[in-house]
Amino acid sequence: QVQLVESGGGLVQSGGSLRPSCGASGITISKYHMNWFRQAQGNQREFVASITNDAELNYAVAVRGRFTISRDNLKNTVYLQMNSLRPEDTAVYYCNAVYPSTARMYWGQGTQVTVSS
């Protein structure tokens, strides 16, 4: 059974930092494209950042230069370092895993990030 469990969200003031993590079980994250998405209240879920199985990094324009995605293969965990947070970053952040050859996809349950002004 595959599980993606996010943690590390919370409440932070504008300009602050958080580092949510996504612990995986049932899959080996280094074989997957690992992604972070977010969904603000009333909005559609949107892409934030990804690290491919080949360790290629990609970021949404809105977070480029402020957020960094990384993974620890030994811990089978993906991280999203978020710096210089803004109120518009407030959302539920979801971890997503996609197997490259089949596009089989898994989602975590999400972690709330709230940035106060």
PDB file of N, CA and C in Angstrom:
ATOM      1  N   GLN A   1       0.844  -1.188   0.000  1.00  0.00           N
ATOM      2  CA  GLN A   1       0.000   0.000   0.000  1.00  0.00           C
ATOM      3  C   GLN A   1       0.885   1.246   0.000  1.00  0.00           C
ATOM      4  N   VAL A   2       0.592   2.141  -0.920  1.00  0.00           N
ATOM      5  CA  VAL A   2       1.383   3.357  -1.049  1.00  0.00           C
ATOM      6  C   VAL A   2       0.784   4.449  -0.160  1.00  0.00           C
ATOM      7  N   GLN A   3       1.662   5.114   0.573  1.00  0.00           N
ATOM      8  CA  GLN A   3       1.230   6.255   1.380  1.00  0.00           C
ATOM      9  C   GLN A   3       2.213   7.393   1.217  1.00  0.00           C
ATOM     10  N   LEU A   4       1.681   8.588   1.045  1.00  0.00           N
ATOM     11  CA  LEU A   4       2.462   9.818   1.074  1.00  0.00           C
ATOM     12  C   LEU A   4       1.913  10.642   2.236  1.00  0.00           C
ATOM     13  N   VAL A   5       2.775  10.971   3.179  1.00  0.00           N
ATOM     14  CA  VAL A   5       2.324  11.672   4.382  1.00  0.00           C
ATOM     15  C   VAL A   5       3.074  12.988   4.504  1.00  0.00           C
ATOM     16  N   GLU A   6       2.334  14.081   4.356  1.00  0.00           N
ATOM     17  CA  GLU A   6       2.929  15.401   4.482  1.00  0.00           C
ATOM     18  C   GLU A   6       2.898  15.860   5.940  1.00  0.00           C
ATOM     19  N   SER A   7       3.891  16.635   6.298  1.00  0.00           N
ATOM     20  CA  SER A   7       3.941  17.278   7.611  1.00  0.00           C
ATOM     21  C   SER A   7       4.794  18.526   7.485  1.00  0.00           C
ATOM     22  N   GLY A   8       4.777  19.338   8.551  1.00  0.00           N
ATOM     23  CA  GLY A   8       5.650  20.497   8.558  1.00  0.00           C
ATOM     24  C   GLY A   8       5.014  21.785   8.106  1.00  0.00           C
ATOM     25  N   GLY A   9       3.711  21.752   7.835  1.00  0.00           N
ATOM     26  CA  GLY A   9       3.028  23.005   7.557  1.00  0.00           C
ATOM     27  C   GLY A   9       2.829  23.782   8.848  1.00  0.00           C
ATOM     28  N   GLY A  10       2.133  24.915   8.748  1.00  0.00           N
ATOM     29  CA  GLY A  10       1.882  25.691   9.950  1.00  0.00           C
ATOM     30  C   GLY A  10       1.565  27.127   9.633  1.00  0.00           C
ATOM     31  N   LEU A  11       1.614  27.941  10.691  1.00  0.00           N
ATOM     32  CA  LEU A  11       1.339  29.373  10.583  1.00  0.00           C
ATOM     33  C   LEU A  11       2.640  30.137  10.729  1.00  0.00           C
ATOM     34  N   VAL A  12       2.891  31.046   9.806  1.00  0.00           N
ATOM     35  CA  VAL A  12       4.128  31.821   9.831  1.00  0.00           C
ATOM     36  C   VAL A  12       3.826  33.238   9.366  1.00  0.00           C
ATOM     37  N   GLN A  13       4.616  34.182   9.824  1.00  0.00           N
ATOM     38  CA  GLN A  13       4.435  35.570   9.388  1.00  0.00           C
ATOM     39  C   GLN A  13       5.042  35.780   8.006  1.00  0.00           C
ATOM     40  N   SER A  14       4.556  36.775   7.312  1.00  0.00           N
ATOM     41  CA  SER A  14       5.100  37.136   6.012  1.00  0.00           C
ATOM     42  C   SER A  14       6.607  37.357   6.110  1.00  0.00           C
ATOM     43  N   GLY A  15       7.341  36.780   5.163  1.00  0.00           N
ATOM     44  CA  GLY A  15       8.790  36.845   5.182  1.00  0.00           C
ATOM     45  C   GLY A  15       9.453  35.673   5.870  1.00  0.00           C
ATOM     46  N   GLY A  16       8.668  34.844   6.537  1.00  0.00           N
ATOM     47  CA  GLY A  16       9.200  33.707   7.263  1.00  0.00           C
ATOM     48  C   GLY A  16       9.433  32.495   6.374  1.00  0.00           C
ATOM     49  N   SER A  17       9.802  31.385   7.017  1.00  0.00           N
ATOM     50  CA  SER A  17      10.147  30.154   6.303  1.00  0.00           C
ATOM     51  C   SER A  17       9.444  28.953   6.929  1.00  0.00           C
ATOM     52  N   LEU A  18       9.210  27.964   6.099  1.00  0.00           N
ATOM     53  CA  LEU A  18       8.719  26.662   6.536  1.00  0.00           C
ATOM     54  C   LEU A  18       9.345  25.600   5.647  1.00  0.00           C
ATOM     55  N   ARG A  19       9.392  24.375   6.140  1.00  0.00           N
ATOM     56  CA  ARG A  19       9.905  23.272   5.334  1.00  0.00           C
ATOM     57  C   ARG A  19       9.015  22.051   5.485  1.00  0.00           C
ATOM     58  N   PRO A  20       7.921  22.009   4.720  1.00  0.00           N
ATOM     59  CA  PRO A  20       7.100  20.806   4.744  1.00  0.00           C
ATOM     60  C   PRO A  20       7.879  19.607   4.198  1.00  0.00           C
ATOM     61  N   SER A  21       7.516  18.434   4.687  1.00  0.00           N
ATOM     62  CA  SER A  21       8.125  17.211   4.197  1.00  0.00           C
ATOM     63  C   SER A  21       7.037  16.234   3.766  1.00  0.00           C
ATOM     64  N   CYS A  22       7.434  15.287   2.936  1.00  0.00           N
ATOM     65  CA  CYS A  22       6.530  14.256   2.419  1.00  0.00           C
ATOM     66  C   CYS A  22       7.236  12.917   2.550  1.00  0.00           C
ATOM     67  N   GLY A  23       6.824  12.141   3.529  1.00  0.00           N
ATOM     68  CA  GLY A  23       7.391  10.813   3.727  1.00  0.00           C
ATOM     69  C   GLY A  23       6.620   9.779   2.941  1.00  0.00           C
ATOM     70  N   ALA A  24       7.344   8.944   2.199  1.00  0.00           N
ATOM     71  CA  ALA A  24       6.693   7.951   1.343  1.00  0.00           C
ATOM     72  C   ALA A  24       6.926   6.539   1.866  1.00  0.00           C
ATOM     73  N   SER A  25       5.905   5.720   1.729  1.00  0.00           N
ATOM     74  CA  SER A  25       6.026   4.289   1.993  1.00  0.00           C
ATOM     75  C   SER A  25       5.332   3.548   0.862  1.00  0.00           C
ATOM     76  N   GLY A  26       5.859   2.381   0.533  1.00  0.00           N
ATOM     77  CA  GLY A  26       5.280   1.587  -0.547  1.00  0.00           C
ATOM     78  C   GLY A  26       5.825   1.912  -1.918  1.00  0.00           C
ATOM     79  N   ILE A  27       6.605   2.986  -2.027  1.00  0.00           N
ATOM     80  CA  ILE A  27       7.292   3.330  -3.267  1.00  0.00           C
ATOM     81  C   ILE A  27       8.702   3.785  -2.937  1.00  0.00           C
ATOM     82  N   THR A  28       9.563   3.790  -3.935  1.00  0.00           N
ATOM     83  CA  THR A  28      10.914   4.331  -3.820  1.00  0.00           C
ATOM     84  C   THR A  28      10.935   5.655  -4.552  1.00  0.00           C
ATOM     85  N   ILE A  29      11.058   6.754  -3.820  1.00  0.00           N
ATOM     86  CA  ILE A  29      10.843   8.073  -4.426  1.00  0.00           C
ATOM     87  C   ILE A  29      11.857   8.377  -5.520  1.00  0.00           C
ATOM     88  N   SER A  30      13.036   7.787  -5.451  1.00  0.00           N
ATOM     89  CA  SER A  30      14.046   8.080  -6.468  1.00  0.00           C
ATOM     90  C   SER A  30      13.646   7.536  -7.833  1.00  0.00           C
ATOM     91  N   LYS A  31      12.653   6.666  -7.882  1.00  0.00           N
ATOM     92  CA  LYS A  31      12.176   6.115  -9.156  1.00  0.00           C
ATOM     93  C   LYS A  31      10.971   6.882  -9.697  1.00  0.00           C
ATOM     94  N   TYR A  32      10.509   7.841  -8.942  1.00  0.00           N
ATOM     95  CA  TYR A  32       9.314   8.593  -9.294  1.00  0.00           C
ATOM     96  C   TYR A  32       9.638  10.071  -9.556  1.00  0.00           C
ATOM     97  N   HIS A  33       8.762  10.716 -10.312  1.00  0.00           N
ATOM     98  CA  HIS A  33       8.741  12.170 -10.338  1.00  0.00           C
ATOM     99  C   HIS A  33       7.953  12.602  -9.110  1.00  0.00           C
ATOM    100  N   MET A  34       8.577  13.369  -8.253  1.00  0.00           N
ATOM    101  CA  MET A  34       7.939  13.824  -7.026  1.00  0.00           C
ATOM    102  C   MET A  34       7.597  15.306  -7.160  1.00  0.00           C
ATOM    103  N   ASN A  35       6.374  15.634  -6.808  1.00  0.00           N
ATOM    104  CA  ASN A  35       5.867  16.986  -7.044  1.00  0.00           C
ATOM    105  C   ASN A  35       5.190  17.544  -5.795  1.00  0.00           C
ATOM    106  N   TRP A  36       5.201  18.850  -5.708  1.00  0.00           N
ATOM    107  CA  TRP A  36       4.380  19.568  -4.737  1.00  0.00           C
ATOM    108  C   TRP A  36       3.363  20.408  -5.509  1.00  0.00           C
ATOM    109  N   PHE A  37       2.119  20.325  -5.060  1.00  0.00           N
ATOM    110  CA  PHE A  37       1.049  21.164  -5.566  1.00  0.00           C
ATOM    111  C   PHE A  37       0.465  21.929  -4.378  1.00  0.00           C
ATOM    112  N   ARG A  38      -0.320  22.932  -4.665  1.00  0.00           N
ATOM    113  CA  ARG A  38      -1.017  23.642  -3.593  1.00  0.00           C
ATOM    114  C   ARG A  38      -2.406  24.064  -4.065  1.00  0.00           C
ATOM    115  N   GLN A  39      -3.280  24.205  -3.103  1.00  0.00           N
ATOM    116  CA  GLN A  39      -4.640  24.617  -3.408  1.00  0.00           C
ATOM    117  C   GLN A  39      -5.101  25.612  -2.352  1.00  0.00           C
ATOM    118  N   ALA A  40      -5.286  26.838  -2.780  1.00  0.00           N
ATOM    119  CA  ALA A  40      -5.827  27.866  -1.900  1.00  0.00           C
ATOM    120  C   ALA A  40      -7.352  27.761  -1.903  1.00  0.00           C
ATOM    121  N   GLN A  41      -7.956  28.222  -0.843  1.00  0.00           N
ATOM    122  CA  GLN A  41      -9.407  28.131  -0.721  1.00  0.00           C
ATOM    123  C   GLN A  41     -10.080  28.837  -1.892  1.00  0.00           C
ATOM    124  N   GLY A  42     -10.980  28.113  -2.563  1.00  0.00           N
ATOM    125  CA  GLY A  42     -11.704  28.682  -3.695  1.00  0.00           C
ATOM    126  C   GLY A  42     -10.970  28.627  -5.022  1.00  0.00           C
ATOM    127  N   ASN A  43      -9.723  28.122  -4.996  1.00  0.00           N
ATOM    128  CA  ASN A  43      -8.927  28.056  -6.222  1.00  0.00           C
ATOM    129  C   ASN A  43      -8.695  26.615  -6.646  1.00  0.00           C
ATOM    130  N   GLN A  44      -8.243  26.450  -7.880  1.00  0.00           N
ATOM    131  CA  GLN A  44      -7.867  25.124  -8.351  1.00  0.00           C
ATOM    132  C   GLN A  44      -6.484  24.749  -7.815  1.00  0.00           C
ATOM    133  N   ARG A  45      -6.239  23.464  -7.765  1.00  0.00           N
ATOM    134  CA  ARG A  45      -4.918  22.988  -7.352  1.00  0.00           C
ATOM    135  C   ARG A  45      -3.914  23.392  -8.427  1.00  0.00           C
ATOM    136  N   GLU A  46      -2.750  23.864  -7.983  1.00  0.00           N
ATOM    137  CA  GLU A  46      -1.743  24.328  -8.926  1.00  0.00           C
ATOM    138  C   GLU A  46      -0.377  23.733  -8.606  1.00  0.00           C
ATOM    139  N   PHE A  47       0.397  23.586  -9.642  1.00  0.00           N
ATOM    140  CA  PHE A  47       1.761  23.049  -9.530  1.00  0.00           C
ATOM    141  C   PHE A  47       2.657  24.036  -8.799  1.00  0.00           C
ATOM    142  N   VAL A  48       3.531  23.517  -7.945  1.00  0.00           N
ATOM    143  CA  VAL A  48       4.487  24.343  -7.224  1.00  0.00           C
ATOM    144  C   VAL A  48       5.920  24.001  -7.619  1.00  0.00           C
ATOM    145  N   ALA A  49       6.282  22.725  -7.492  1.00  0.00           N
ATOM    146  CA  ALA A  49       7.672  22.336  -7.742  1.00  0.00           C
ATOM    147  C   ALA A  49       7.749  20.839  -7.986  1.00  0.00           C
ATOM    148  N   SER A  50       8.802  20.425  -8.691  1.00  0.00           N
ATOM    149  CA  SER A  50       8.999  19.004  -8.937  1.00  0.00           C
ATOM    150  C   SER A  50      10.471  18.658  -8.953  1.00  0.00           C
ATOM    151  N   ILE A  51      10.725  17.394  -8.627  1.00  0.00           N
ATOM    152  CA  ILE A  51      12.049  16.805  -8.799  1.00  0.00           C
ATOM    153  C   ILE A  51      11.830  15.476  -9.497  1.00  0.00           C
ATOM    154  N   THR A  52      12.429  15.327 -10.667  1.00  0.00           N
ATOM    155  CA  THR A  52      12.190  14.122 -11.445  1.00  0.00           C
ATOM    156  C   THR A  52      13.030  12.959 -10.929  1.00  0.00           C
ATOM    157  N   ASN A  53      12.812  11.778 -11.502  1.00  0.00           N
ATOM    158  CA  ASN A  53      13.621  10.616 -11.121  1.00  0.00           C
ATOM    159  C   ASN A  53      15.086  10.852 -11.475  1.00  0.00           C
ATOM    160  N   ASP A  54      15.343  11.731 -12.443  1.00  0.00           N
ATOM    161  CA  ASP A  54      16.717  12.087 -12.818  1.00  0.00           C
ATOM    162  C   ASP A  54      17.221  13.311 -12.063  1.00  0.00           C
ATOM    163  N   ALA A  55      16.456  13.739 -11.051  1.00  0.00           N
ATOM    164  CA  ALA A  55      16.835  14.873 -10.195  1.00  0.00           C
ATOM    165  C   ALA A  55      16.781  16.220 -10.904  1.00  0.00           C
ATOM    166  N   GLU A  56      16.018  16.293 -11.976  1.00  0.00           N
ATOM    167  CA  GLU A  56      15.787  17.584 -12.621  1.00  0.00           C
ATOM    168  C   GLU A  56      14.760  18.359 -11.799  1.00  0.00           C
ATOM    169  N   LEU A  57      15.030  19.641 -11.599  1.00  0.00           N
ATOM    170  CA  LEU A  57      14.156  20.475 -10.771  1.00  0.00           C
ATOM    171  C   LEU A  57      13.347  21.436 -11.643  1.00  0.00           C
ATOM    172  N   ASN A  58      12.106  21.629 -11.251  1.00  0.00           N
ATOM    173  CA  ASN A  58      11.252  22.595 -11.938  1.00  0.00           C
ATOM    174  C   ASN A  58      10.401  23.332 -10.905  1.00  0.00           C
ATOM    175  N   TYR A  59      10.133  24.605 -11.188  1.00  0.00           N
ATOM    176  CA  TYR A  59       9.371  25.433 -10.251  1.00  0.00           C
ATOM    177  C   TYR A  59       8.339  26.268 -10.994  1.00  0.00           C
ATOM    178  N   ALA A  60       7.230  26.507 -10.315  1.00  0.00           N
ATOM    179  CA  ALA A  60       6.285  27.487 -10.820  1.00  0.00           C
ATOM    180  C   ALA A  60       6.925  28.868 -10.742  1.00  0.00           C
ATOM    181  N   VAL A  61       6.538  29.732 -11.654  1.00  0.00           N
ATOM    182  CA  VAL A  61       7.109  31.072 -11.699  1.00  0.00           C
ATOM    183  C   VAL A  61       6.893  31.801 -10.368  1.00  0.00           C
ATOM    184  N   ALA A  62       5.742  31.582  -9.762  1.00  0.00           N
ATOM    185  CA  ALA A  62       5.390  32.317  -8.544  1.00  0.00           C
ATOM    186  C   ALA A  62       6.301  32.009  -7.366  1.00  0.00           C
ATOM    187  N   VAL A  63       6.990  30.866  -7.397  1.00  0.00           N
ATOM    188  CA  VAL A  63       7.809  30.464  -6.242  1.00  0.00           C
ATOM    189  C   VAL A  63       9.292  30.392  -6.577  1.00  0.00           C
ATOM    190  N   ARG A  64       9.634  30.587  -7.844  1.00  0.00           N
ATOM    191  CA  ARG A  64      11.025  30.456  -8.264  1.00  0.00           C
ATOM    192  C   ARG A  64      11.900  31.454  -7.506  1.00  0.00           C
ATOM    193  N   GLY A  65      13.007  30.949  -6.975  1.00  0.00           N
ATOM    194  CA  GLY A  65      13.916  31.792  -6.215  1.00  0.00           C
ATOM    195  C   GLY A  65      13.598  31.862  -4.732  1.00  0.00           C
ATOM    196  N   ARG A  66      12.422  31.390  -4.344  1.00  0.00           N
ATOM    197  CA  ARG A  66      12.031  31.407  -2.924  1.00  0.00           C
ATOM    198  C   ARG A  66      11.877  29.987  -2.363  1.00  0.00           C
ATOM    199  N   PHE A  67      11.432  29.053  -3.195  1.00  0.00           N
ATOM    200  CA  PHE A  67      11.196  27.679  -2.758  1.00  0.00           C
ATOM    201  C   PHE A  67      12.264  26.761  -3.350  1.00  0.00           C
ATOM    202  N   THR A  68      12.609  25.713  -2.609  1.00  0.00           N
ATOM    203  CA  THR A  68      13.561  24.714  -3.083  1.00  0.00           C
ATOM    204  C   THR A  68      13.026  23.331  -2.762  1.00  0.00           C
ATOM    205  N   ILE A  69      12.926  22.492  -3.781  1.00  0.00           N
ATOM    206  CA  ILE A  69      12.509  21.103  -3.583  1.00  0.00           C
ATOM    207  C   ILE A  69      13.753  20.235  -3.500  1.00  0.00           C
ATOM    208  N   SER A  70      13.707  19.247  -2.621  1.00  0.00           N
ATOM    209  CA  SER A  70      14.826  18.324  -2.488  1.00  0.00           C
ATOM    210  C   SER A  70      14.303  16.978  -2.015  1.00  0.00           C
ATOM    211  N   ARG A  71      15.158  15.975  -2.078  1.00  0.00           N
ATOM    212  CA  ARG A  71      14.745  14.661  -1.584  1.00  0.00           C
ATOM    213  C   ARG A  71      15.915  14.003  -0.862  1.00  0.00           C
ATOM    214  N   ASP A  72      15.565  13.161   0.091  1.00  0.00           N
ATOM    215  CA  ASP A  72      16.530  12.348   0.820  1.00  0.00           C
ATOM    216  C   ASP A  72      16.176  10.897   0.520  1.00  0.00           C
ATOM    217  N   ASN A  73      16.946  10.264  -0.335  1.00  0.00           N
ATOM    218  CA  ASN A  73      16.611   8.907  -0.770  1.00  0.00           C
ATOM    219  C   ASN A  73      16.697   7.901   0.372  1.00  0.00           C
ATOM    220  N   LEU A  74      17.600   8.127   1.308  1.00  0.00           N
ATOM    221  CA  LEU A  74      17.726   7.191   2.434  1.00  0.00           C
ATOM    222  C   LEU A  74      16.489   7.248   3.321  1.00  0.00           C
ATOM    223  N   LYS A  75      15.951   8.456   3.491  1.00  0.00           N
ATOM    224  CA  LYS A  75      14.748   8.616   4.308  1.00  0.00           C
ATOM    225  C   LYS A  75      13.473   8.461   3.480  1.00  0.00           C
ATOM    226  N   ASN A  76      13.639   8.346   2.161  1.00  0.00           N
ATOM    227  CA  ASN A  76      12.489   8.234   1.259  1.00  0.00           C
ATOM    228  C   ASN A  76      11.511   9.397   1.481  1.00  0.00           C
ATOM    229  N   THR A  77      12.082  10.582   1.574  1.00  0.00           N
ATOM    230  CA  THR A  77      11.310  11.781   1.929  1.00  0.00           C
ATOM    231  C   THR A  77      11.657  12.923   0.983  1.00  0.00           C
ATOM    232  N   VAL A  78      10.638  13.684   0.631  1.00  0.00           N
ATOM    233  CA  VAL A  78      10.801  14.875  -0.198  1.00  0.00           C
ATOM    234  C   VAL A  78      10.505  16.103   0.661  1.00  0.00           C
ATOM    235  N   TYR A  79      11.244  17.167   0.422  1.00  0.00           N
ATOM    236  CA  TYR A  79      11.090  18.394   1.198  1.00  0.00           C
ATOM    237  C   TYR A  79      10.771  19.561   0.275  1.00  0.00           C
ATOM    238  N   LEU A  80      10.151  20.563   0.852  1.00  0.00           N
ATOM    239  CA  LEU A  80       9.933  21.821   0.143  1.00  0.00           C
ATOM    240  C   LEU A  80      10.339  22.956   1.080  1.00  0.00           C
ATOM    241  N   GLN A  81      11.541  23.465   0.874  1.00  0.00           N
ATOM    242  CA  GLN A  81      12.004  24.603   1.666  1.00  0.00           C
ATOM    243  C   GLN A  81      11.361  25.858   1.107  1.00  0.00           C
ATOM    244  N   MET A  82      10.600  26.547   1.954  1.00  0.00           N
ATOM    245  CA  MET A  82       9.874  27.737   1.515  1.00  0.00           C
ATOM    246  C   MET A  82      10.391  28.939   2.302  1.00  0.00           C
ATOM    247  N   ASN A  83      11.009  29.856   1.597  1.00  0.00           N
ATOM    248  CA  ASN A  83      11.542  31.078   2.201  1.00  0.00           C
ATOM    249  C   ASN A  83      10.783  32.297   1.678  1.00  0.00           C
ATOM    250  N   SER A  84      10.959  33.408   2.377  1.00  0.00           N
ATOM    251  CA  SER A  84      10.323  34.679   1.965  1.00  0.00           C
ATOM    252  C   SER A  84       8.837  34.481   1.683  1.00  0.00           C
ATOM    253  N   LEU A  85       8.171  33.803   2.587  1.00  0.00           N
ATOM    254  CA  LEU A  85       6.764  33.473   2.378  1.00  0.00           C
ATOM    255  C   LEU A  85       5.897  34.725   2.340  1.00  0.00           C
ATOM    256  N   ARG A  86       4.855  34.648   1.523  1.00  0.00           N
ATOM    257  CA  ARG A  86       3.913  35.744   1.322  1.00  0.00           C
ATOM    258  C   ARG A  86       2.509  35.272   1.654  1.00  0.00           C
ATOM    259  N   PRO A  87       1.627  36.173   1.984  1.00  0.00           N
ATOM    260  CA  PRO A  87       0.237  35.758   2.267  1.00  0.00           C
ATOM    261  C   PRO A  87      -0.384  34.969   1.130  1.00  0.00           C
ATOM    262  N   GLU A  88      -0.010  35.276  -0.104  1.00  0.00           N
ATOM    263  CA  GLU A  88      -0.568  34.551  -1.255  1.00  0.00           C
ATOM    264  C   GLU A  88      -0.051  33.126  -1.374  1.00  0.00           C
ATOM    265  N   ASP A  89       0.920  32.743  -0.552  1.00  0.00           N
ATOM    266  CA  ASP A  89       1.377  31.350  -0.503  1.00  0.00           C
ATOM    267  C   ASP A  89       0.481  30.493   0.391  1.00  0.00           C
ATOM    268  N   THR A  90      -0.455  31.117   1.079  1.00  0.00           N
ATOM    269  CA  THR A  90      -1.370  30.379   1.943  1.00  0.00           C
ATOM    270  C   THR A  90      -2.183  29.381   1.136  1.00  0.00           C
ATOM    271  N   ALA A  91      -2.117  28.118   1.531  1.00  0.00           N
ATOM    272  CA  ALA A  91      -2.804  27.047   0.796  1.00  0.00           C
ATOM    273  C   ALA A  91      -2.592  25.726   1.528  1.00  0.00           C
ATOM    274  N   VAL A  92      -3.320  24.713   1.087  1.00  0.00           N
ATOM    275  CA  VAL A  92      -2.985  23.347   1.473  1.00  0.00           C
ATOM    276  C   VAL A  92      -1.969  22.839   0.456  1.00  0.00           C
ATOM    277  N   TYR A  93      -0.858  22.327   0.956  1.00  0.00           N
ATOM    278  CA  TYR A  93       0.213  21.830   0.091  1.00  0.00           C
ATOM    279  C   TYR A  93       0.150  20.306   0.041  1.00  0.00           C
ATOM    280  N   TYR A  94       0.136  19.790  -1.194  1.00  0.00           N
ATOM    281  CA  TYR A  94      -0.008  18.358  -1.428  1.00  0.00           C
ATOM    282  C   TYR A  94       1.250  17.789  -2.085  1.00  0.00           C
ATOM    283  N   CYS A  95       1.621  16.620  -1.638  1.00  0.00           N
ATOM    284  CA  CYS A  95       2.698  15.857  -2.251  1.00  0.00           C
ATOM    285  C   CYS A  95       2.104  14.896  -3.290  1.00  0.00           C
ATOM    286  N   ASN A  96       2.821  14.703  -4.366  1.00  0.00           N
ATOM    287  CA  ASN A  96       2.334  13.895  -5.496  1.00  0.00           C
ATOM    288  C   ASN A  96       3.501  13.087  -6.045  1.00  0.00           C
ATOM    289  N   ALA A  97       3.236  11.829  -6.359  1.00  0.00           N
ATOM    290  CA  ALA A  97       4.252  10.962  -6.953  1.00  0.00           C
ATOM    291  C   ALA A  97       3.723  10.399  -8.259  1.00  0.00           C
ATOM    292  N   VAL A  98       4.532  10.468  -9.301  1.00  0.00           N
ATOM    293  CA  VAL A  98       4.143   9.956 -10.612  1.00  0.00           C
ATOM    294  C   VAL A  98       5.227   9.015 -11.120  1.00  0.00           C
ATOM    295  N   TYR A  99       4.824   7.776 -11.478  1.00  0.00           N
ATOM    296  CA  TYR A  99       5.786   6.830 -12.031  1.00  0.00           C
ATOM    297  C   TYR A  99       5.996   7.168 -13.495  1.00  0.00           C
ATOM    298  N   PRO A 100       7.227   7.395 -13.917  1.00  0.00           N
ATOM    299  CA  PRO A 100       7.479   7.954 -15.254  1.00  0.00           C
ATOM    300  C   PRO A 100       6.895   7.150 -16.415  1.00  0.00           C
ATOM    301  N   SER A 101       7.011   5.823 -16.392  1.00  0.00           N
ATOM    302  CA  SER A 101       6.638   5.065 -17.589  1.00  0.00           C
ATOM    303  C   SER A 101       5.145   4.797 -17.682  1.00  0.00           C
ATOM    304  N   THR A 102       4.458   4.816 -16.561  1.00  0.00           N
ATOM    305  CA  THR A 102       3.026   4.484 -16.584  1.00  0.00           C
ATOM    306  C   THR A 102       2.125   5.644 -16.212  1.00  0.00           C
ATOM    307  N   ALA A 103       2.707   6.698 -15.658  1.00  0.00           N
ATOM    308  CA  ALA A 103       1.937   7.844 -15.157  1.00  0.00           C
ATOM    309  C   ALA A 103       1.039   7.476 -13.985  1.00  0.00           C
ATOM    310  N   ARG A 104       1.285   6.342 -13.357  1.00  0.00           N
ATOM    311  CA  ARG A 104       0.544   6.002 -12.139  1.00  0.00           C
ATOM    312  C   ARG A 104       0.838   7.077 -11.107  1.00  0.00           C
ATOM    313  N   MET A 105      -0.223   7.536 -10.438  1.00  0.00           N
ATOM    314  CA  MET A 105      -0.101   8.714  -9.604  1.00  0.00           C
ATOM    315  C   MET A 105      -0.628   8.460  -8.205  1.00  0.00           C
ATOM    316  N   TYR A 106       0.037   9.063  -7.237  1.00  0.00           N
ATOM    317  CA  TYR A 106      -0.393   8.985  -5.845  1.00  0.00           C
ATOM    318  C   TYR A 106      -0.379  10.391  -5.244  1.00  0.00           C
ATOM    319  N   TRP A 107      -1.282  10.609  -4.290  1.00  0.00           N
ATOM    320  CA  TRP A 107      -1.388  11.905  -3.608  1.00  0.00           C
ATOM    321  C   TRP A 107      -1.326  11.705  -2.100  1.00  0.00           C
ATOM    322  N   GLY A 108      -0.770  12.697  -1.435  1.00  0.00           N
ATOM    323  CA  GLY A 108      -0.849  12.754   0.014  1.00  0.00           C
ATOM    324  C   GLY A 108      -2.117  13.473   0.438  1.00  0.00           C
ATOM    325  N   GLN A 109      -2.278  13.600   1.760  1.00  0.00           N
ATOM    326  CA  GLN A 109      -3.502  14.184   2.294  1.00  0.00           C
ATOM    327  C   GLN A 109      -3.422  15.702   2.433  1.00  0.00           C
ATOM    328  N   GLY A 110      -2.227  16.244   2.315  1.00  0.00           N
ATOM    329  CA  GLY A 110      -2.042  17.690   2.368  1.00  0.00           C
ATOM    330  C   GLY A 110      -1.651  18.213   3.734  1.00  0.00           C
ATOM    331  N   THR A 111      -0.973  19.350   3.725  1.00  0.00           N
ATOM    332  CA  THR A 111      -0.608  20.034   4.960  1.00  0.00           C
ATOM    333  C   THR A 111      -0.888  21.526   4.767  1.00  0.00           C
ATOM    334  N   GLN A 112      -1.498  22.131   5.763  1.00  0.00           N
ATOM    335  CA  GLN A 112      -1.912  23.533   5.657  1.00  0.00           C
ATOM    336  C   GLN A 112      -0.735  24.458   5.929  1.00  0.00           C
ATOM    337  N   VAL A 113      -0.559  25.422   5.046  1.00  0.00           N
ATOM    338  CA  VAL A 113       0.421  26.496   5.239  1.00  0.00           C
ATOM    339  C   VAL A 113      -0.347  27.813   5.242  1.00  0.00           C
ATOM    340  N   THR A 114      -0.184  28.574   6.310  1.00  0.00           N
ATOM    341  CA  THR A 114      -0.856  29.857   6.426  1.00  0.00           C
ATOM    342  C   THR A 114       0.178  30.937   6.691  1.00  0.00           C
ATOM    343  N   VAL A 115       0.175  31.965   5.847  1.00  0.00           N
ATOM    344  CA  VAL A 115       1.121  33.062   5.979  1.00  0.00           C
ATOM    345  C   VAL A 115       0.337  34.324   6.330  1.00  0.00           C
ATOM    346  N   SER A 116       0.621  34.878   7.478  1.00  0.00           N
ATOM    347  CA  SER A 116      -0.083  36.084   7.929  1.00  0.00           C
ATOM    348  C   SER A 116       0.676  37.333   7.507  1.00  0.00           C
ATOM    349  N   SER A 117      -0.058  38.380   7.236  1.00  0.00           N
ATOM    350  CA  SER A 117       0.574  39.628   6.781  1.00  0.00           C
ATOM    351  C   SER A 117       0.940  40.526   7.949  1.00  0.00           C
TER     352      SER A 117
END
